[in-house]
Amino acid sequence: MKTILPTDLTAKTKGKLEKEGAFFLLDETPEPTQCEKAAKETLTLTMDDALVELFTSGSTGEPTRVTKTLRQVLADVDTLDADFPTHPLKGTVVFSTVSHQHIYGFLWAVLWPIASHKIITEKRLLFPENIKNALEQASSAVLISSPAHLKRLPLELDWTESRTHLTHLVSSGGPLSEEALKLCQQAFHRTPFEILGSTELDGIAWRQRRFLPNDTVDPTSCLWKAMPGTEIDINPDGIIQVKSERLDPLHWTVGNDKIVMRTGALFTLLGRTDRIVKIEEKRLSLTALEKSLLASGLFTEAKAFLFTEKRDLAVVAVPSEKGQALLSQSKLTLIRAAEHYLREEFEAVLLPHRWRFEPIMPTNSQGKYTIEALQSLFDRRHIEPSLAKVEHHSMELHFKVDERLTFFEGHFPQWPILPGVAQVHLVIEEAHRYLKTPQEVNCISNLKFMSIIRPKTKIMITCLFDPESMKMKFSLTSADRSTRYSCGTIHFATDKKDND
């Protein structure tokens, strides 16, 4: 018997695992037969038996399973404390923004604190206010975080007391931007201990970037250093390969990143390998397409992928200031500008078929993009903002109500209107996407519907979230606020786990 840590606990995921005979020990409503079965199981493991099964992030396709043996997990625990240049003290409280369902959270926020006599905490810190309050209450603290949380640190909060208690800051799960690095320096007066790794390769290397007196990053601190007990090399294609007791100590395991080896066993990370797909029998590098979109100056982020069912090439991108100016004219204007730039490098048949423009790229708690999340943006139940202003805990989204929204079906054939329940659903979904609010709701108060919303109506959603009370005020109005459609206060549940 082994432990399975799924990436989430949605009905879809649970259904798949239950069909395979899995049962959920920590489910809210466990079946008696499951509990009886678990109680009768005798857990006997050899060093090379499977202990835990995790899933990859799904950033390049369907999440795949990775099994870790007892020997590999113990090797992880033995070396984690040695990774730090300076060791946290025993009794230090370890706080985390990341889930134990991913290998980063499982190792650093669960196993490492237990093995090194540190205090483990049950709840994840989902918002900056939670981080601030938790650090202030601990005499000595370590924060295990993802880039997704560090890049949203609001400097309007007073971090003075928090940083005096924070002894170590760790970041992993995705690339940490220089902007996020500066926020960490300003808020905590320290830069994170960054870990490079993956579910397949485990922890690979680390670095801690430093700022020079002129506020630029010291280039020598940008190099990555192999973790203890880890050998790193490159294969003939320039791709990283790793050998360690945590993987296969006798053979190289090849990763997905291109690197350049430097002197002193240090290396520079060049980014993901080319993801090659075939369209109309022609090969296309999705990585090259994304780089070209960024080089156009129209976007700050771009992700390209194929829809699994139709093999349509799709792009989700965050417009730059230049791109936003074109988007304000129309979506087609921005698409045409992007296509004009791409045609200089790619044949017409290789141009994207579907486009989606977002104010913020959707990521999970690890700061990673998943294909499933990107594909869901094209669902007809989602709106696409033409203009968005997303700040610390507030947002304004401008959009035109698409007549193809599924919520119009049945309301009413001759004179369609957007139902009130659909309006509230849209608010909850978009707030979760952009403000990372929960999706579980306790109740809604002061709910009012003042005007009817018809297809093609131009709407502005305004939300103001208070993480202390877990309440969010919202309103749907016209762009100039002259017409009010609905408003209310959403009370989010506070006792539910966020499963990304």
Protein backbone atom coordinates (compact mmCIF):
# COMPACT_ATOMS: atom_id res chain seq x y z
CA MET A 1 0.00 0.00 0.00
CA LYS A 2 1.29 3.47 -0.86
CA THR A 3 0.19 7.03 -0.23
CA ILE A 4 -1.11 9.01 -3.21
CA LEU A 5 -0.93 12.80 -3.15
CA PRO A 6 -3.13 14.03 -6.03
CA THR A 7 -2.68 17.56 -7.36
CA ASP A 8 -6.22 18.41 -6.25
CA LEU A 9 -9.32 16.84 -4.74
CA THR A 10 -11.83 17.76 -7.41
CA ALA A 11 -14.63 15.32 -8.24
CA LYS A 12 -12.88 14.49 -11.52
CA THR A 13 -9.58 13.59 -9.84
CA LYS A 14 -11.22 11.65 -7.01
CA GLY A 15 -13.34 9.73 -9.50
CA LYS A 16 -10.27 8.61 -11.45
CA LEU A 17 -8.48 7.42 -8.34
CA GLU A 18 -11.53 5.66 -6.89
CA LYS A 19 -11.87 3.65 -10.10
CA GLU A 20 -8.34 2.39 -9.48
CA GLY A 21 -9.26 1.26 -5.98
CA ALA A 22 -7.90 4.24 -4.05
CA PHE A 23 -9.70 5.45 -0.93
CA PHE A 24 -9.38 8.69 1.00
CA LEU A 25 -8.34 8.41 4.63
CA LEU A 26 -8.75 12.13 5.29
CA ASP A 27 -11.96 12.58 3.34
CA GLU A 28 -14.69 14.51 5.15
CA THR A 29 -17.20 11.69 4.74
CA PRO A 30 -15.20 8.44 4.58
CA GLU A 31 -17.04 5.24 3.88
CA PRO A 32 -17.01 2.89 6.92
CA THR A 33 -15.67 0.08 4.73
CA GLN A 34 -12.74 2.28 3.73
CA CYS A 35 -11.84 3.05 7.33
CA GLU A 36 -12.12 -0.63 8.29
CA LYS A 37 -9.91 -1.56 5.34
CA ALA A 38 -7.31 1.04 6.32
CA ALA A 39 -7.30 -0.13 9.94
CA LYS A 40 -6.64 -3.74 8.90
CA GLU A 41 -3.75 -2.86 6.59
CA THR A 42 -0.32 -3.66 7.98
CA LEU A 43 2.26 -1.28 6.57
CA THR A 44 5.53 -3.07 5.94
CA LEU A 45 7.98 -1.45 3.57
CA THR A 46 11.41 -2.34 2.35
CA MET A 47 13.77 0.44 1.38
CA ASP A 48 12.93 0.05 -2.29
CA ASP A 49 9.15 -0.20 -1.92
CA ALA A 50 6.98 2.67 -3.14
CA LEU A 51 6.19 5.06 -0.28
CA VAL A 52 4.40 7.94 -1.99
CA GLU A 53 3.06 8.77 -5.43
CA LEU A 54 2.93 12.36 -6.65
CA PHE A 55 1.91 14.01 -9.89
CA THR A 56 3.78 16.39 -12.17
CA SER A 57 2.40 19.92 -12.48
CA GLY A 58 0.82 19.42 -15.90
CA SER A 59 2.61 22.48 -17.30
CA THR A 60 3.43 20.68 -20.55
CA GLY A 61 0.51 18.29 -20.80
CA GLU A 62 -1.49 15.78 -18.77
CA PRO A 63 -0.04 15.36 -15.23
CA THR A 64 1.97 12.14 -14.97
CA ARG A 65 2.65 10.03 -11.90
CA VAL A 66 6.01 9.88 -10.19
CA THR A 67 6.63 7.23 -7.51
CA LYS A 68 9.12 7.78 -4.71
CA THR A 69 10.55 4.83 -2.78
CA LEU A 70 11.26 4.85 0.94
CA ARG A 71 15.00 4.96 0.19
CA GLN A 72 14.61 8.04 -2.02
CA VAL A 73 12.45 9.91 0.48
CA LEU A 74 14.86 9.20 3.35
CA ALA A 75 17.74 10.40 1.16
CA ASP A 76 15.78 13.60 0.58
CA VAL A 77 15.22 14.17 4.27
CA ASP A 78 18.88 13.50 5.08
CA THR A 79 20.13 16.18 2.68
CA LEU A 80 17.51 18.94 2.99
CA ASP A 81 19.04 20.57 6.05
CA ALA A 82 22.46 20.50 4.40
CA ASP A 83 21.09 22.60 1.54
CA PHE A 84 21.03 25.79 3.62
CA PRO A 85 24.19 27.89 3.82
CA THR A 86 23.15 28.57 7.46
CA HIS A 87 20.85 26.20 9.32
CA PRO A 88 17.58 27.29 10.98
CA LEU A 89 17.47 26.63 14.73
CA LYS A 90 15.55 23.75 16.29
CA GLY A 91 12.10 24.87 17.40
CA THR A 92 11.79 27.31 14.49
CA VAL A 93 8.26 27.50 13.10
CA VAL A 94 7.94 26.54 9.43
CA PHE A 95 5.17 28.39 7.60
CA SER A 96 4.17 27.55 4.05
CA THR A 97 2.18 29.01 1.18
CA VAL A 98 2.49 25.79 -0.85
CA SER A 99 0.50 22.58 -0.70
CA HIS A 100 1.89 19.24 0.52
CA GLN A 101 0.31 17.73 -2.61
CA HIS A 102 3.35 18.88 -4.61
CA ILE A 103 6.81 17.49 -3.96
CA TYR A 104 8.19 20.90 -2.97
CA GLY A 105 5.60 21.36 -0.24
CA PHE A 106 5.71 17.68 0.76
CA LEU A 107 9.47 17.73 1.35
CA TRP A 108 10.06 21.24 2.68
CA ALA A 109 6.85 21.99 4.56
CA VAL A 110 6.16 18.49 5.95
CA LEU A 111 9.09 16.05 6.03
CA TRP A 112 11.93 18.54 6.59
CA PRO A 113 10.38 20.22 9.68
CA ILE A 114 9.58 16.83 11.22
CA ALA A 115 13.06 15.44 10.60
CA SER A 116 14.92 18.54 11.79
CA HIS A 117 12.91 19.18 15.00
CA LYS A 118 11.08 22.23 13.78
CA ILE A 119 7.46 23.19 14.38
CA ILE A 120 5.10 22.29 11.58
CA THR A 121 1.93 24.27 10.93
CA GLU A 122 -1.29 22.89 9.50
CA LYS A 123 -2.74 25.81 7.58
CA ARG A 124 -1.29 27.27 4.41
CA LEU A 125 -0.79 31.02 4.28
CA LEU A 126 -2.88 32.09 1.30
CA PHE A 127 -2.71 35.90 1.53
CA PRO A 128 -0.02 38.47 2.39
CA GLU A 129 -1.90 39.46 5.55
CA ASN A 130 -1.79 35.82 6.69
CA ILE A 131 1.99 35.75 6.10
CA LYS A 132 2.52 39.00 7.97
CA ASN A 133 0.42 37.97 10.99
CA ALA A 134 1.97 34.49 11.20
CA LEU A 135 5.54 35.79 11.12
CA GLU A 136 4.80 38.40 13.78
CA GLN A 137 3.53 35.70 16.18
CA ALA A 138 6.60 33.46 15.88
CA SER A 139 9.89 34.20 17.59
CA SER A 140 11.82 32.41 14.83
CA ALA A 141 10.29 31.47 11.48
CA VAL A 142 11.03 29.97 8.08
CA LEU A 143 8.75 30.78 5.15
CA ILE A 144 8.41 28.15 2.41
CA SER A 145 6.82 29.96 -0.52
CA SER A 146 6.09 29.91 -4.21
CA PRO A 147 6.94 32.74 -6.63
CA ALA A 148 3.19 33.28 -7.06
CA HIS A 149 2.96 34.57 -3.48
CA LEU A 150 6.25 36.46 -3.37
CA LYS A 151 5.45 38.48 -6.48
CA ARG A 152 2.26 39.75 -4.80
CA LEU A 153 3.83 41.10 -1.59
CA PRO A 154 2.18 44.50 -0.97
CA LEU A 155 4.65 47.06 0.30
CA GLU A 156 1.82 49.13 1.81
CA LEU A 157 1.74 46.55 4.61
CA ASP A 158 4.18 47.18 7.46
CA TRP A 159 6.65 44.26 7.36
CA THR A 160 8.97 45.69 10.05
CA GLU A 161 8.15 43.21 12.82
CA SER A 162 7.64 40.29 10.43
CA ARG A 163 11.14 40.48 9.00
CA THR A 164 12.76 40.54 12.44
CA HIS A 165 11.33 37.05 13.07
CA LEU A 166 12.00 35.61 9.60
CA THR A 167 15.33 33.78 9.59
CA HIS A 168 15.05 31.91 6.25
CA LEU A 169 13.02 32.44 3.08
CA VAL A 170 12.72 29.65 0.50
CA SER A 171 11.22 29.84 -2.98
CA SER A 172 10.63 27.12 -5.55
CA GLY A 173 8.06 25.84 -8.01
CA GLY A 174 8.75 28.28 -10.84
CA PRO A 175 10.98 31.14 -11.96
CA LEU A 176 11.22 34.07 -9.55
CA SER A 177 11.20 37.35 -11.45
CA GLU A 178 13.57 40.18 -10.63
CA GLU A 179 10.54 42.28 -9.70
CA ALA A 180 9.55 39.68 -7.08
CA LEU A 181 13.14 39.54 -5.89
CA LYS A 182 13.06 43.29 -5.23
CA LEU A 183 9.78 42.98 -3.34
CA CYS A 184 11.36 40.35 -1.07
CA GLN A 185 14.35 42.60 -0.43
CA GLN A 186 12.13 45.56 0.42
CA ALA A 187 9.65 43.63 2.58
CA PHE A 188 11.96 41.16 4.35
CA HIS A 189 15.41 42.75 3.88
CA ARG A 190 16.55 39.42 2.45
CA THR A 191 16.38 37.54 -0.83
CA PRO A 192 15.01 34.00 -1.08
CA PHE A 193 16.95 30.78 -1.07
CA GLU A 194 15.80 29.63 -4.54
CA ILE A 195 15.50 25.93 -5.34
CA LEU A 196 15.57 24.49 -8.84
CA GLY A 197 13.82 21.16 -9.14
CA SER A 198 10.85 19.17 -10.36
CA THR A 199 8.70 16.22 -9.37
CA GLU A 200 10.71 14.00 -11.71
CA LEU A 201 14.19 15.23 -10.75
CA ASP A 202 13.58 16.27 -7.15
CA GLY A 203 15.76 19.13 -5.88
CA ILE A 204 18.56 19.87 -8.34
CA ALA A 205 20.32 23.09 -7.40
CA TRP A 206 20.05 26.29 -5.42
CA ARG A 207 21.09 29.92 -5.49
CA GLN A 208 20.58 33.11 -3.49
CA ARG A 209 20.75 36.21 -5.61
CA ARG A 210 22.15 39.39 -4.08
CA PHE A 211 21.76 43.07 -4.86
CA LEU A 212 24.76 45.29 -5.47
CA PRO A 213 24.92 48.81 -3.97
CA ASN A 214 23.51 50.23 -7.22
CA ASP A 215 20.35 48.03 -6.79
CA THR A 216 21.26 45.71 -9.64
CA VAL A 217 21.53 41.95 -9.16
CA ASP A 218 25.05 40.58 -8.76
CA PRO A 219 25.51 38.42 -11.91
CA THR A 220 27.73 35.92 -10.07
CA SER A 221 24.88 35.19 -7.64
CA CYS A 222 22.60 34.24 -10.54
CA LEU A 223 24.52 31.01 -11.15
CA TRP A 224 23.05 27.75 -9.85
CA LYS A 225 24.97 25.36 -7.56
CA ALA A 226 24.21 21.64 -7.30
CA MET A 227 22.58 20.48 -4.08
CA PRO A 228 24.60 18.20 -1.75
CA GLY A 229 24.96 14.67 -3.10
CA THR A 230 23.87 15.74 -6.59
CA GLU A 231 25.91 15.47 -9.78
CA ILE A 232 24.95 17.71 -12.69
CA ASP A 233 26.05 17.54 -16.30
CA ILE A 234 24.67 18.23 -19.76
CA ASN A 235 23.78 15.71 -22.45
CA PRO A 236 24.79 16.13 -26.13
CA ASP A 237 21.70 18.31 -26.72
CA GLY A 238 22.67 20.76 -24.00
CA ILE A 239 19.95 19.51 -21.63
CA ILE A 240 20.54 19.07 -17.90
CA GLN A 241 21.06 15.56 -16.57
CA VAL A 242 21.19 14.61 -12.92
CA LYS A 243 22.57 11.73 -10.84
CA SER A 244 21.93 11.29 -7.10
CA GLU A 245 20.80 8.83 -4.41
CA ARG A 246 17.39 10.48 -4.60
CA LEU A 247 17.02 9.35 -8.21
CA ASP A 248 19.19 6.68 -9.81
CA PRO A 249 22.74 6.77 -8.39
CA LEU A 250 24.11 4.71 -11.29
CA HIS A 251 22.54 6.40 -14.30
CA TRP A 252 21.86 9.92 -15.49
CA THR A 253 18.28 11.19 -15.42
CA VAL A 254 17.60 13.78 -18.15
CA GLY A 255 15.52 16.86 -17.34
CA ASN A 256 13.67 19.43 -19.43
CA ASP A 257 15.92 22.49 -19.14
CA LYS A 258 18.84 23.66 -21.22
CA ILE A 259 21.89 24.81 -19.25
CA VAL A 260 25.44 26.04 -19.76
CA MET A 261 28.10 24.72 -17.38
CA ARG A 262 30.41 27.30 -15.80
CA THR A 263 33.61 26.99 -13.80
CA GLY A 264 33.40 25.59 -10.29
CA ALA A 265 30.52 23.20 -11.12
CA LEU A 266 28.13 26.14 -11.43
CA PHE A 267 25.69 26.55 -14.29
CA THR A 268 23.37 28.99 -16.01
CA LEU A 269 19.76 28.06 -16.68
CA LEU A 270 18.65 28.83 -20.24
CA GLY A 271 15.03 27.72 -19.97
CA ARG A 272 12.83 24.85 -21.04
CA THR A 273 13.70 22.68 -24.01
CA ASP A 274 11.82 23.17 -27.23
CA ARG A 275 8.35 21.65 -27.12
CA ILE A 276 7.90 20.37 -30.64
CA VAL A 277 4.43 19.74 -32.08
CA LYS A 278 3.25 18.87 -35.59
CA ILE A 279 0.66 20.98 -37.39
CA GLU A 280 -0.34 20.06 -40.94
CA GLU A 281 2.75 17.78 -41.00
CA LYS A 282 4.99 20.75 -40.19
CA ARG A 283 7.12 20.90 -37.04
CA LEU A 284 6.64 23.85 -34.70
CA SER A 285 8.57 24.78 -31.57
CA LEU A 286 6.09 26.15 -29.05
CA THR A 287 9.04 27.58 -27.12
CA ALA A 288 10.21 29.52 -30.20
CA LEU A 289 6.68 30.79 -30.82
CA GLU A 290 6.42 32.08 -27.24
CA LYS A 291 9.82 33.79 -27.48
CA SER A 292 8.77 35.47 -30.71
CA LEU A 293 5.57 36.79 -29.13
CA LEU A 294 7.56 38.28 -26.25
CA ALA A 295 10.09 39.78 -28.67
CA SER A 296 7.24 41.61 -30.45
CA GLY A 297 6.87 43.90 -27.44
CA LEU A 298 3.12 43.30 -27.45
CA PHE A 299 3.12 40.89 -24.51
CA THR A 300 4.85 40.42 -21.15
CA GLU A 301 3.94 36.71 -20.91
CA ALA A 302 2.78 34.16 -23.48
CA LYS A 303 2.01 30.43 -23.40
CA ALA A 304 1.30 28.35 -26.50
CA PHE A 305 -0.26 24.88 -26.49
CA LEU A 306 -2.40 22.48 -28.49
CA PHE A 307 -5.98 21.69 -27.60
CA THR A 308 -6.05 17.94 -27.10
CA GLU A 309 -9.36 17.29 -28.82
CA LYS A 310 -8.96 19.36 -32.00
CA ARG A 311 -5.20 19.93 -32.09
CA ASP A 312 -5.85 23.64 -32.51
CA LEU A 313 -2.89 25.88 -31.73
CA ALA A 314 -3.85 28.29 -28.94
CA VAL A 315 -2.10 31.19 -27.20
CA VAL A 316 -2.80 32.77 -23.82
CA ALA A 317 -0.93 36.04 -23.38
CA VAL A 318 -0.69 39.05 -21.07
CA PRO A 319 -0.61 42.29 -23.13
CA SER A 320 2.09 44.86 -22.47
CA GLU A 321 1.22 48.55 -22.34
CA LYS A 322 1.67 48.63 -26.11
CA GLY A 323 -0.49 45.53 -26.55
CA GLN A 324 -3.16 46.85 -24.19
CA ALA A 325 -3.48 50.01 -26.29
CA LEU A 326 -4.28 47.82 -29.32
CA LEU A 327 -6.62 45.61 -27.30
CA SER A 328 -8.59 48.67 -26.20
CA GLN A 329 -9.42 49.19 -29.88
CA SER A 330 -10.51 45.57 -30.34
CA LYS A 331 -9.29 42.04 -29.77
CA LEU A 332 -8.93 41.57 -33.52
CA THR A 333 -6.60 44.58 -33.73
CA LEU A 334 -4.17 43.01 -31.27
CA ILE A 335 -4.40 39.60 -32.96
CA ARG A 336 -3.62 41.10 -36.37
CA ALA A 337 -0.60 42.95 -34.93
CA ALA A 338 0.71 39.75 -33.34
CA GLU A 339 0.17 37.73 -36.52
CA HIS A 340 1.97 40.37 -38.59
CA TYR A 341 5.02 39.96 -36.36
CA LEU A 342 4.85 36.14 -36.34
CA ARG A 343 4.63 35.91 -40.14
CA GLU A 344 8.24 37.12 -40.35
CA GLU A 345 9.34 33.86 -38.71
CA PHE A 346 6.54 31.31 -39.10
CA GLU A 347 4.48 30.03 -42.00
CA ALA A 348 0.80 30.96 -42.10
CA VAL A 349 -0.27 27.40 -41.30
CA LEU A 350 1.67 27.60 -38.03
CA LEU A 351 -0.06 30.71 -36.72
CA PRO A 352 -2.30 30.30 -33.65
CA HIS A 353 -5.98 29.56 -34.24
CA ARG A 354 -7.21 30.69 -30.83
CA TRP A 355 -6.18 33.68 -28.77
CA ARG A 356 -6.94 34.63 -25.20
CA PHE A 357 -5.69 37.82 -23.55
CA GLU A 358 -5.44 37.99 -19.76
CA PRO A 359 -4.36 40.70 -17.29
CA ILE A 360 -2.61 38.01 -15.21
CA MET A 361 -1.44 34.59 -16.35
CA PRO A 362 -3.24 31.85 -14.40
CA THR A 363 -0.91 29.84 -12.17
CA ASN A 364 -1.34 27.29 -9.42
CA SER A 365 0.03 27.60 -5.89
CA GLN A 366 3.47 26.55 -7.17
CA GLY A 367 3.56 29.47 -9.61
CA LYS A 368 3.29 27.09 -12.57
CA TYR A 369 1.08 27.21 -15.63
CA THR A 370 -0.96 24.08 -16.26
CA ILE A 371 -2.37 23.10 -19.64
CA GLU A 372 -5.72 22.32 -18.01
CA ALA A 373 -5.96 25.82 -16.52
CA LEU A 374 -4.98 27.45 -19.83
CA GLN A 375 -7.52 25.39 -21.76
CA SER A 376 -10.28 26.26 -19.29
CA LEU A 377 -9.92 29.93 -20.22
CA PHE A 378 -11.52 29.14 -23.57
CA ASP A 379 -14.59 27.66 -21.88
CA ARG A 380 -17.77 29.53 -22.87
CA ARG A 381 -18.59 30.05 -19.19
CA HIS A 382 -15.67 32.46 -18.76
CA ILE A 383 -15.52 36.14 -19.63
CA GLU A 384 -12.54 37.77 -21.35
CA PRO A 385 -11.69 41.24 -20.01
CA SER A 386 -10.88 43.96 -22.53
CA LEU A 387 -9.47 46.09 -19.71
CA ALA A 388 -8.48 45.04 -16.22
CA LYS A 389 -7.08 46.72 -13.13
CA VAL A 390 -5.98 44.13 -10.58
CA GLU A 391 -4.36 45.33 -7.37
CA HIS A 392 -3.64 43.92 -3.90
CA HIS A 393 -7.18 42.87 -2.96
CA SER A 394 -9.27 44.74 -5.49
CA MET A 395 -10.06 44.47 -9.18
CA GLU A 396 -11.97 46.11 -11.99
CA LEU A 397 -12.78 44.00 -15.04
CA HIS A 398 -14.31 45.51 -18.18
CA PHE A 399 -15.91 43.13 -20.67
CA LYS A 400 -18.69 42.81 -23.21
CA VAL A 401 -21.22 40.10 -22.40
CA ASP A 402 -20.78 37.42 -25.05
CA GLU A 403 -24.08 36.22 -26.46
CA ARG A 404 -22.56 32.72 -26.61
CA LEU A 405 -22.27 32.45 -22.82
CA THR A 406 -23.91 29.20 -21.77
CA PHE A 407 -25.77 31.04 -18.99
CA PHE A 408 -28.17 32.52 -21.56
CA GLU A 409 -29.49 29.11 -22.52
CA GLY A 410 -33.10 28.87 -21.32
CA HIS A 411 -33.23 32.52 -20.17
CA PHE A 412 -35.08 33.20 -22.51
CA PRO A 413 -35.15 32.06 -26.18
CA GLN A 414 -36.80 35.21 -27.56
CA TRP A 415 -35.33 37.71 -25.12
CA PRO A 416 -32.17 36.35 -23.41
CA ILE A 417 -31.03 37.79 -20.07
CA LEU A 418 -28.14 36.90 -17.77
CA PRO A 419 -29.59 35.21 -14.65
CA GLY A 420 -28.73 36.62 -11.25
CA VAL A 421 -27.17 33.36 -10.10
CA ALA A 422 -24.90 33.46 -13.17
CA GLN A 423 -23.80 36.99 -12.30
CA VAL A 424 -22.77 35.89 -8.80
CA HIS A 425 -21.05 32.80 -10.25
CA LEU A 426 -19.00 34.99 -12.62
CA VAL A 427 -17.91 37.22 -9.73
CA ILE A 428 -16.79 34.25 -7.60
CA GLU A 429 -14.91 32.65 -10.51
CA GLU A 430 -13.13 35.82 -11.64
CA ALA A 431 -12.21 36.82 -8.08
CA HIS A 432 -10.72 33.37 -7.56
CA ARG A 433 -8.76 33.69 -10.81
CA TYR A 434 -7.33 37.16 -10.23
CA LEU A 435 -7.42 37.73 -6.45
CA LYS A 436 -6.90 34.08 -5.41
CA THR A 437 -10.00 34.16 -3.19
CA PRO A 438 -11.58 30.83 -2.14
CA GLN A 439 -14.35 29.24 -4.19
CA GLU A 440 -16.23 27.91 -1.18
CA VAL A 441 -18.92 30.36 -0.06
CA ASN A 442 -20.77 30.45 3.27
CA CYS A 443 -23.43 32.97 2.31
CA ILE A 444 -24.14 36.15 0.36
CA SER A 445 -25.60 39.22 2.06
CA ASN A 446 -27.08 42.51 0.83
CA LEU A 447 -27.66 40.93 -2.58
CA LYS A 448 -29.49 43.21 -4.99
CA PHE A 449 -30.39 43.03 -8.69
CA MET A 450 -31.30 46.42 -10.10
CA SER A 451 -31.18 46.13 -13.91
CA ILE A 452 -31.38 43.41 -16.55
CA ILE A 453 -28.19 42.35 -18.39
CA ARG A 454 -28.63 41.51 -22.06
CA PRO A 455 -26.14 40.03 -24.56
CA LYS A 456 -23.47 42.44 -25.84
CA THR A 457 -23.91 44.72 -22.80
CA LYS A 458 -20.66 46.35 -21.68
CA ILE A 459 -20.10 45.53 -18.01
CA MET A 460 -17.61 46.42 -15.29
CA ILE A 461 -17.12 44.01 -12.36
CA THR A 462 -15.71 45.72 -9.26
CA CYS A 463 -14.53 43.65 -6.26
CA LEU A 464 -12.96 44.60 -2.92
CA PHE A 465 -11.77 41.66 -0.80
CA ASP A 466 -10.97 41.76 2.94
CA PRO A 467 -8.86 38.70 3.86
CA GLU A 468 -9.27 39.32 7.59
CA SER A 469 -13.05 38.94 7.55
CA MET A 470 -13.03 36.78 4.38
CA LYS A 471 -15.69 39.04 2.89
CA MET A 472 -15.80 40.57 -0.58
CA LYS A 473 -18.01 43.42 -1.74
CA PHE A 474 -18.87 43.35 -5.44
CA SER A 475 -20.87 45.27 -7.99
CA LEU A 476 -21.73 44.93 -11.66
CA THR A 477 -22.21 48.29 -13.36
CA SER A 478 -21.79 50.00 -16.68
CA ALA A 479 -18.27 51.27 -17.39
CA ASP A 480 -19.20 54.82 -16.34
CA ARG A 481 -21.13 53.47 -13.30
CA SER A 482 -24.30 55.19 -14.48
CA THR A 483 -26.21 51.90 -14.58
CA ARG A 484 -26.11 49.43 -11.69
CA TYR A 485 -26.94 45.82 -12.45
CA SER A 486 -26.21 43.95 -9.21
CA CYS A 487 -24.22 44.13 -5.98
CA GLY A 488 -23.71 42.29 -2.72
CA THR A 489 -21.24 40.92 -0.18
CA ILE A 490 -19.81 37.40 -0.49
CA HIS A 491 -18.80 35.62 2.72
CA PHE A 492 -16.17 33.00 1.95
CA ALA A 493 -15.80 29.77 3.93
CA THR A 494 -12.74 29.78 6.19
CA ASP A 495 -12.58 26.10 7.17
CA LYS A 496 -12.09 24.61 3.69
CA LYS A 497 -8.73 23.59 2.29
CA ASP A 498 -7.65 25.25 -0.92
CA ASN A 499 -6.70 22.48 -3.32
CA ASP A 500 -5.53 24.70 -6.17
